[in-house]
């Protein structure tokens, strides 16, 4: 049903992450001939980070609301945003397992979240959610043309930056090494709102390298004065 929704609304490819008991023959029969190409061309990955690596903007779907579920959008609002973003960027809509949805760890990889309001029940089934989101994106795409946002940093570029930031902040004792994710998740939320471009990520990583170099220099010399040791800034 999800494959049919993707095909009907003219969306892109279907990506599965660590699927359980995925019977391609059975799925093809359920998808019907009209959507068989979506199933045949779908990609399967072992983990979420690998699956999202090439994408510049990721929207997660959630039925749960709470302080960790930030930047909650309605389907129509997120669709409107995605139309302007998708011109120069690869966009992914992330759906969790039907029985439990996305975990807080999954949410870390999302730039924004979308919640589908319902009258009596807190959640709907996966195929319904896919259809609603795909329809809203299709509908927003039919509106008058608009300016596209520039290319954003890809997910693998952002993850590299986050890992580097966490390492530096732990080593300068800014965050607790026993629970680094508490603060790094807040940092992720902050940068997600900024929609960083690749060049901006490169600048931040350059700052981290400079901090790392200076820290090692001070440790090795036993003082805070710079000497003739090679400075990474001089390589620019």
C-alpha atoms as a PDB file:
ATOM      1  CA  UNK A   1       0.000   0.000   0.000  1.00  0.00           C
ATOM      2  CA  UNK A   2       2.867   2.377   0.760  1.00  0.00           C
ATOM      3  CA  UNK A   3       4.406   1.615  -2.643  1.00  0.00           C
ATOM      4  CA  UNK A   4       1.098   2.375  -4.365  1.00  0.00           C
ATOM      5  CA  UNK A   5       0.850   5.690  -2.520  1.00  0.00           C
ATOM      6  CA  UNK A   6       4.371   6.635  -3.604  1.00  0.00           C
ATOM      7  CA  UNK A   7       3.602   5.727  -7.206  1.00  0.00           C
ATOM      8  CA  UNK A   8       0.209   7.479  -7.289  1.00  0.00           C
ATOM      9  CA  UNK A   9       1.591  10.745  -5.934  1.00  0.00           C
ATOM     10  CA  UNK A  10       4.698  10.739  -8.131  1.00  0.00           C
ATOM     11  CA  UNK A  11       7.170  10.517  -5.275  1.00  0.00           C
ATOM     12  CA  UNK A  12      10.710   9.129  -5.490  1.00  0.00           C
ATOM     13  CA  UNK A  13      12.144   5.810  -4.396  1.00  0.00           C
ATOM     14  CA  UNK A  14      11.237   3.579  -1.465  1.00  0.00           C
ATOM     15  CA  UNK A  15      13.979   2.825   1.063  1.00  0.00           C
ATOM     16  CA  UNK A  16      13.743   0.145   3.772  1.00  0.00           C
ATOM     17  CA  UNK A  17      15.937  -0.053   6.857  1.00  0.00           C
ATOM     18  CA  UNK A  18      16.598  -3.429   8.492  1.00  0.00           C
ATOM     19  CA  UNK A  19      13.249  -4.939   7.402  1.00  0.00           C
ATOM     20  CA  UNK A  20      11.989  -8.065   9.145  1.00  0.00           C
ATOM     21  CA  UNK A  21      10.898 -10.986   6.968  1.00  0.00           C
ATOM     22  CA  UNK A  22      10.738  -8.924   3.775  1.00  0.00           C
ATOM     23  CA  UNK A  23       9.287 -11.239   1.101  1.00  0.00           C
ATOM     24  CA  UNK A  24       9.814  -9.403  -2.202  1.00  0.00           C
ATOM     25  CA  UNK A  25       7.459 -11.725  -4.102  1.00  0.00           C
ATOM     26  CA  UNK A  26       4.652 -11.112  -1.623  1.00  0.00           C
ATOM     27  CA  UNK A  27       5.267  -7.369  -1.613  1.00  0.00           C
ATOM     28  CA  UNK A  28       5.182  -7.250  -5.418  1.00  0.00           C
ATOM     29  CA  UNK A  29       1.784  -8.963  -5.459  1.00  0.00           C
ATOM     30  CA  UNK A  30       0.395  -6.505  -2.913  1.00  0.00           C
ATOM     31  CA  UNK A  31       1.769  -3.509  -4.800  1.00  0.00           C
ATOM     32  CA  UNK A  32       0.007  -4.447  -8.061  1.00  0.00           C
ATOM     33  CA  UNK A  33       1.548  -4.045 -11.513  1.00  0.00           C
ATOM     34  CA  UNK A  34       1.099  -0.263 -11.416  1.00  0.00           C
ATOM     35  CA  UNK A  35       3.474   0.108  -8.442  1.00  0.00           C
ATOM     36  CA  UNK A  36       5.741  -2.871  -9.105  1.00  0.00           C
ATOM     37  CA  UNK A  37       8.568  -0.642 -10.332  1.00  0.00           C
ATOM     38  CA  UNK A  38       8.672   1.118  -6.941  1.00  0.00           C
ATOM     39  CA  UNK A  39       9.163  -2.233  -5.187  1.00  0.00           C
ATOM     40  CA  UNK A  40      11.668  -3.543  -7.719  1.00  0.00           C
ATOM     41  CA  UNK A  41      13.808  -0.405  -7.392  1.00  0.00           C
ATOM     42  CA  UNK A  42      13.567  -0.026  -3.612  1.00  0.00           C
ATOM     43  CA  UNK A  43      16.795   0.094  -1.627  1.00  0.00           C
ATOM     44  CA  UNK A  44      17.473  -1.844   1.580  1.00  0.00           C
ATOM     45  CA  UNK A  45      19.980  -0.796   4.252  1.00  0.00           C
ATOM     46  CA  UNK A  46      21.135  -2.358   7.503  1.00  0.00           C
ATOM     47  CA  UNK A  47      20.995   0.838   9.569  1.00  0.00           C
ATOM     48  CA  UNK A  48      19.345   4.244   9.496  1.00  0.00           C
ATOM     49  CA  UNK A  49      22.507   6.342   9.426  1.00  0.00           C
ATOM     50  CA  UNK A  50      23.680   4.597   6.265  1.00  0.00           C
ATOM     51  CA  UNK A  51      20.260   4.919   4.628  1.00  0.00           C
ATOM     52  CA  UNK A  52      20.032   8.663   5.293  1.00  0.00           C
ATOM     53  CA  UNK A  53      23.664   9.455   4.464  1.00  0.00           C
ATOM     54  CA  UNK A  54      23.082  11.103   1.027  1.00  0.00           C
ATOM     55  CA  UNK A  55      20.025  13.152   2.021  1.00  0.00           C
ATOM     56  CA  UNK A  56      20.181  16.882   2.696  1.00  0.00           C
ATOM     57  CA  UNK A  57      16.905  17.205   4.598  1.00  0.00           C
ATOM     58  CA  UNK A  58      15.036  14.575   6.621  1.00  0.00           C
ATOM     59  CA  UNK A  59      11.494  14.852   7.992  1.00  0.00           C
ATOM     60  CA  UNK A  60      10.396  12.326  10.588  1.00  0.00           C
ATOM     61  CA  UNK A  61       6.774  11.335  11.167  1.00  0.00           C
ATOM     62  CA  UNK A  62       5.550  11.002  14.737  1.00  0.00           C
ATOM     63  CA  UNK A  63       2.292  10.381  16.587  1.00  0.00           C
ATOM     64  CA  UNK A  64       3.872  11.230  19.940  1.00  0.00           C
ATOM     65  CA  UNK A  65       4.332  14.773  21.162  1.00  0.00           C
ATOM     66  CA  UNK A  66       6.759  15.867  23.857  1.00  0.00           C
ATOM     67  CA  UNK A  67       9.769  18.017  24.699  1.00  0.00           C
ATOM     68  CA  UNK A  68      12.078  15.779  22.668  1.00  0.00           C
ATOM     69  CA  UNK A  69       9.750  15.961  19.685  1.00  0.00           C
ATOM     70  CA  UNK A  70      10.624  19.457  18.483  1.00  0.00           C
ATOM     71  CA  UNK A  71       9.688  21.395  15.369  1.00  0.00           C
ATOM     72  CA  UNK A  72       6.347  19.631  14.962  1.00  0.00           C
ATOM     73  CA  UNK A  73       4.647  20.562  11.673  1.00  0.00           C
ATOM     74  CA  UNK A  74       1.320  19.742  10.095  1.00  0.00           C
ATOM     75  CA  UNK A  75       1.432  17.753   6.829  1.00  0.00           C
ATOM     76  CA  UNK A  76       0.442  20.795   4.765  1.00  0.00           C
ATOM     77  CA  UNK A  77       3.091  23.004   6.377  1.00  0.00           C
ATOM     78  CA  UNK A  78       5.905  20.491   5.982  1.00  0.00           C
ATOM     79  CA  UNK A  79       4.857  19.853   2.368  1.00  0.00           C
ATOM     80  CA  UNK A  80       5.058  23.568   1.597  1.00  0.00           C
ATOM     81  CA  UNK A  81       8.562  23.723   3.089  1.00  0.00           C
ATOM     82  CA  UNK A  82       9.714  20.626   1.228  1.00  0.00           C
ATOM     83  CA  UNK A  83       8.743  22.007  -2.165  1.00  0.00           C
ATOM     84  CA  UNK A  84      11.169  24.915  -1.759  1.00  0.00           C
ATOM     85  CA  UNK A  85      13.878  22.693  -0.281  1.00  0.00           C
ATOM     86  CA  UNK A  86      13.620  19.873  -2.822  1.00  0.00           C
ATOM     87  CA  UNK A  87      14.722  21.949  -5.815  1.00  0.00           C
ATOM     88  CA  UNK A  88      18.424  21.642  -4.936  1.00  0.00           C
ATOM     89  CA  UNK A  89      18.331  18.977  -2.227  1.00  0.00           C
ATOM     90  CA  UNK A  90      17.605  15.300  -1.663  1.00  0.00           C
ATOM     91  CA  UNK A  91      14.691  15.022   0.754  1.00  0.00           C
ATOM     92  CA  UNK A  92      13.642  11.983   2.791  1.00  0.00           C
ATOM     93  CA  UNK A  93      10.417  11.331   4.707  1.00  0.00           C
ATOM     94  CA  UNK A  94      11.123   8.929   7.559  1.00  0.00           C
ATOM     95  CA  UNK A  95       8.389   6.593   8.815  1.00  0.00           C
ATOM     96  CA  UNK A  96       8.881   4.335  11.827  1.00  0.00           C
ATOM     97  CA  UNK A  97       7.612   0.766  12.319  1.00  0.00           C
ATOM     98  CA  UNK A  98       3.823   0.642  12.415  1.00  0.00           C
ATOM     99  CA  UNK A  99       3.711  -0.849  15.926  1.00  0.00           C
ATOM    100  CA  UNK A 100       6.027   1.597  17.711  1.00  0.00           C
ATOM    101  CA  UNK A 101       7.020   4.454  15.401  1.00  0.00           C
ATOM    102  CA  UNK A 102      10.329   6.296  15.483  1.00  0.00           C
ATOM    103  CA  UNK A 103      12.537   6.133  18.563  1.00  0.00           C
ATOM    104  CA  UNK A 104      14.230   9.157  20.137  1.00  0.00           C
ATOM    105  CA  UNK A 105      17.476   7.895  18.603  1.00  0.00           C
ATOM    106  CA  UNK A 106      15.842   7.884  15.158  1.00  0.00           C
ATOM    107  CA  UNK A 107      14.568  11.422  15.721  1.00  0.00           C
ATOM    108  CA  UNK A 108      18.165  12.654  16.075  1.00  0.00           C
ATOM    109  CA  UNK A 109      18.626  12.256  12.326  1.00  0.00           C
ATOM    110  CA  UNK A 110      15.599  14.423  11.480  1.00  0.00           C
ATOM    111  CA  UNK A 111      15.678  18.113  10.603  1.00  0.00           C
ATOM    112  CA  UNK A 112      11.963  18.508  11.300  1.00  0.00           C
ATOM    113  CA  UNK A 113       8.996  16.427  12.432  1.00  0.00           C
ATOM    114  CA  UNK A 114       5.460  16.082  11.122  1.00  0.00           C
ATOM    115  CA  UNK A 115       2.381  14.962  13.018  1.00  0.00           C
ATOM    116  CA  UNK A 116      -0.894  13.951  11.376  1.00  0.00           C
ATOM    117  CA  UNK A 117      -3.773  15.186  13.576  1.00  0.00           C
ATOM    118  CA  UNK A 118      -6.614  12.718  14.143  1.00  0.00           C
ATOM    119  CA  UNK A 119      -9.990  13.049  15.844  1.00  0.00           C
ATOM    120  CA  UNK A 120     -10.240   9.974  18.065  1.00  0.00           C
ATOM    121  CA  UNK A 121      -7.036   7.958  17.805  1.00  0.00           C
ATOM    122  CA  UNK A 122      -3.436   9.049  18.353  1.00  0.00           C
ATOM    123  CA  UNK A 123      -2.105   7.181  15.341  1.00  0.00           C
ATOM    124  CA  UNK A 124      -3.067   5.760  11.971  1.00  0.00           C
ATOM    125  CA  UNK A 125      -1.580   2.844  10.069  1.00  0.00           C
ATOM    126  CA  UNK A 126       1.604   3.182   8.052  1.00  0.00           C
ATOM    127  CA  UNK A 127       0.020   3.061   4.594  1.00  0.00           C
ATOM    128  CA  UNK A 128      -2.470   5.791   5.540  1.00  0.00           C
ATOM    129  CA  UNK A 129       0.326   7.995   6.878  1.00  0.00           C
ATOM    130  CA  UNK A 130       2.393   7.541   3.712  1.00  0.00           C
ATOM    131  CA  UNK A 131      -0.596   8.392   1.534  1.00  0.00           C
ATOM    132  CA  UNK A 132      -1.473  11.544   3.485  1.00  0.00           C
ATOM    133  CA  UNK A 133       2.081  12.900   3.466  1.00  0.00           C
ATOM    134  CA  UNK A 134       2.612  12.058  -0.209  1.00  0.00           C
ATOM    135  CA  UNK A 135      -0.676  13.724  -1.158  1.00  0.00           C
ATOM    136  CA  UNK A 136       0.191  16.916   0.714  1.00  0.00           C
ATOM    137  CA  UNK A 137       3.579  17.094  -1.009  1.00  0.00           C
ATOM    138  CA  UNK A 138       1.994  16.435  -4.396  1.00  0.00           C
ATOM    139  CA  UNK A 139      -0.638  19.096  -3.739  1.00  0.00           C
ATOM    140  CA  UNK A 140       1.959  21.658  -2.618  1.00  0.00           C
ATOM    141  CA  UNK A 141       4.018  20.926  -5.722  1.00  0.00           C
ATOM    142  CA  UNK A 142       1.052  21.810  -7.939  1.00  0.00           C
ATOM    143  CA  UNK A 143       0.932  25.344  -6.530  1.00  0.00           C
ATOM    144  CA  UNK A 144       2.533  28.359  -8.167  1.00  0.00           C
ATOM    145  CA  UNK A 145       6.284  28.161  -8.699  1.00  0.00           C
ATOM    146  CA  UNK A 146       8.485  29.475  -5.916  1.00  0.00           C
ATOM    147  CA  UNK A 147      12.153  30.112  -5.209  1.00  0.00           C
ATOM    148  CA  UNK A 148      14.212  27.085  -4.237  1.00  0.00           C
ATOM    149  CA  UNK A 149      16.572  27.037  -1.278  1.00  0.00           C
ATOM    150  CA  UNK A 150      20.290  26.392  -1.986  1.00  0.00           C
ATOM    151  CA  UNK A 151      21.838  22.972  -1.459  1.00  0.00           C
ATOM    152  CA  UNK A 152      22.036  22.028   2.197  1.00  0.00           C
ATOM    153  CA  UNK A 153      24.682  19.866   3.837  1.00  0.00           C
ATOM    154  CA  UNK A 154      24.082  16.148   3.337  1.00  0.00           C
ATOM    155  CA  UNK A 155      23.302  13.948   6.311  1.00  0.00           C
ATOM    156  CA  UNK A 156      26.753  12.298   6.273  1.00  0.00           C
ATOM    157  CA  UNK A 157      28.375  15.755   6.367  1.00  0.00           C
ATOM    158  CA  UNK A 158      26.261  16.761   9.353  1.00  0.00           C
ATOM    159  CA  UNK A 159      26.938  13.504  11.202  1.00  0.00           C
ATOM    160  CA  UNK A 160      30.677  14.014  10.731  1.00  0.00           C
ATOM    161  CA  UNK A 161      30.339  17.517  12.176  1.00  0.00           C
ATOM    162  CA  UNK A 162      28.274  16.302  15.147  1.00  0.00           C
ATOM    163  CA  UNK A 163      30.802  13.563  15.953  1.00  0.00           C
ATOM    164  CA  UNK A 164      33.644  16.079  15.796  1.00  0.00           C
ATOM    165  CA  UNK A 165      31.786  18.586  17.980  1.00  0.00           C
ATOM    166  CA  UNK A 166      30.973  15.935  20.582  1.00  0.00           C
ATOM    167  CA  UNK A 167      34.599  14.801  20.724  1.00  0.00           C
ATOM    168  CA  UNK A 168      35.892  18.358  21.173  1.00  0.00           C
ATOM    169  CA  UNK A 169      33.252  19.353  23.748  1.00  0.00           C
ATOM    170  CA  UNK A 170      33.934  16.248  25.831  1.00  0.00           C
ATOM    171  CA  UNK A 171      37.689  16.864  25.781  1.00  0.00           C
ATOM    172  CA  UNK A 172      37.364  20.497  26.878  1.00  0.00           C
ATOM    173  CA  UNK A 173      34.956  19.376  29.641  1.00  0.00           C
ATOM    174  CA  UNK A 174      32.023  21.355  28.279  1.00  0.00           C
ATOM    175  CA  UNK A 175      29.755  18.304  28.307  1.00  0.00           C
ATOM    176  CA  UNK A 176      29.650  15.275  30.596  1.00  0.00           C
ATOM    177  CA  UNK A 177      31.527  12.350  29.007  1.00  0.00           C
ATOM    178  CA  UNK A 178      29.209   9.917  30.799  1.00  0.00           C
ATOM    179  CA  UNK A 179      26.122  11.367  29.102  1.00  0.00           C
ATOM    180  CA  UNK A 180      27.284  13.322  26.028  1.00  0.00           C
ATOM    181  CA  UNK A 181      24.077  12.782  24.051  1.00  0.00           C
ATOM    182  CA  UNK A 182      22.042  15.004  26.399  1.00  0.00           C
ATOM    183  CA  UNK A 183      23.805  18.145  25.190  1.00  0.00           C
ATOM    184  CA  UNK A 184      24.695  16.982  21.702  1.00  0.00           C
ATOM    185  CA  UNK A 185      20.999  16.372  21.014  1.00  0.00           C
ATOM    186  CA  UNK A 186      20.351  20.014  21.909  1.00  0.00           C
ATOM    187  CA  UNK A 187      23.160  21.022  19.561  1.00  0.00           C
ATOM    188  CA  UNK A 188      21.579  18.902  16.827  1.00  0.00           C
ATOM    189  CA  UNK A 189      18.243  20.643  17.358  1.00  0.00           C
ATOM    190  CA  UNK A 190      19.906  24.049  17.158  1.00  0.00           C
ATOM    191  CA  UNK A 191      21.748  23.356  13.912  1.00  0.00           C
ATOM    192  CA  UNK A 192      18.689  21.653  12.367  1.00  0.00           C
ATOM    193  CA  UNK A 193      16.796  24.932  12.653  1.00  0.00           C
ATOM    194  CA  UNK A 194      19.614  26.741  10.819  1.00  0.00           C
ATOM    195  CA  UNK A 195      19.552  24.420   7.777  1.00  0.00           C
ATOM    196  CA  UNK A 196      23.323  24.514   7.304  1.00  0.00           C
ATOM    197  CA  UNK A 197      24.916  24.472   3.878  1.00  0.00           C
ATOM    198  CA  UNK A 198      27.957  22.309   3.101  1.00  0.00           C
ATOM    199  CA  UNK A 199      30.337  25.289   3.237  1.00  0.00           C
ATOM    200  CA  UNK A 200      29.054  26.261   6.694  1.00  0.00           C
ATOM    201  CA  UNK A 201      29.568  22.719   7.970  1.00  0.00           C
ATOM    202  CA  UNK A 202      33.116  22.849   6.612  1.00  0.00           C
ATOM    203  CA  UNK A 203      33.762  26.093   8.520  1.00  0.00           C
ATOM    204  CA  UNK A 204      32.478  24.620  11.799  1.00  0.00           C
ATOM    205  CA  UNK A 205      34.630  21.517  11.325  1.00  0.00           C
ATOM    206  CA  UNK A 206      37.614  23.759  10.613  1.00  0.00           C
ATOM    207  CA  UNK A 207      37.022  25.569  13.925  1.00  0.00           C
ATOM    208  CA  UNK A 208      36.900  22.190  15.682  1.00  0.00           C
ATOM    209  CA  UNK A 209      40.202  21.169  14.105  1.00  0.00           C
ATOM    210  CA  UNK A 210      41.781  24.435  15.240  1.00  0.00           C
ATOM    211  CA  UNK A 211      40.548  23.921  18.814  1.00  0.00           C
ATOM    212  CA  UNK A 212      41.868  20.361  18.709  1.00  0.00           C
ATOM    213  CA  UNK A 213      45.264  21.506  17.415  1.00  0.00           C
ATOM    214  CA  UNK A 214      45.568  24.255  20.020  1.00  0.00           C
ATOM    215  CA  UNK A 215      44.567  21.938  22.862  1.00  0.00           C
ATOM    216  CA  UNK A 216      47.178  19.370  21.874  1.00  0.00           C
ATOM    217  CA  UNK A 217      49.769  22.129  21.443  1.00  0.00           C
ATOM    218  CA  UNK A 218      49.152  23.483  24.941  1.00  0.00           C
ATOM    219  CA  UNK A 219      49.245  19.995  26.414  1.00  0.00           C
ATOM    220  CA  UNK A 220      52.503  19.090  24.689  1.00  0.00           C
ATOM    221  CA  UNK A 221      54.248  22.375  25.517  1.00  0.00           C
ATOM    222  CA  UNK A 222      52.831  22.711  29.008  1.00  0.00           C
ATOM    223  CA  UNK A 223      51.900  26.313  28.256  1.00  0.00           C
ATOM    224  CA  UNK A 224      49.352  28.351  26.269  1.00  0.00           C
ATOM    225  CA  UNK A 225      51.735  30.088  23.906  1.00  0.00           C
ATOM    226  CA  UNK A 226      51.968  29.184  20.237  1.00  0.00           C
ATOM    227  CA  UNK A 227      55.350  28.509  18.723  1.00  0.00           C
ATOM    228  CA  UNK A 228      56.629  27.133  15.461  1.00  0.00           C
ATOM    229  CA  UNK A 229      54.406  24.044  15.492  1.00  0.00           C
ATOM    230  CA  UNK A 230      52.450  23.758  12.258  1.00  0.00           C
ATOM    231  CA  UNK A 231      49.116  25.543  12.422  1.00  0.00           C
ATOM    232  CA  UNK A 232      46.282  23.991  10.339  1.00  0.00           C
ATOM    233  CA  UNK A 233      45.078  27.496   9.430  1.00  0.00           C
ATOM    234  CA  UNK A 234      48.303  28.047   7.495  1.00  0.00           C
ATOM    235  CA  UNK A 235      47.311  25.276   5.082  1.00  0.00           C
ATOM    236  CA  UNK A 236      44.396  27.308   3.738  1.00  0.00           C
END
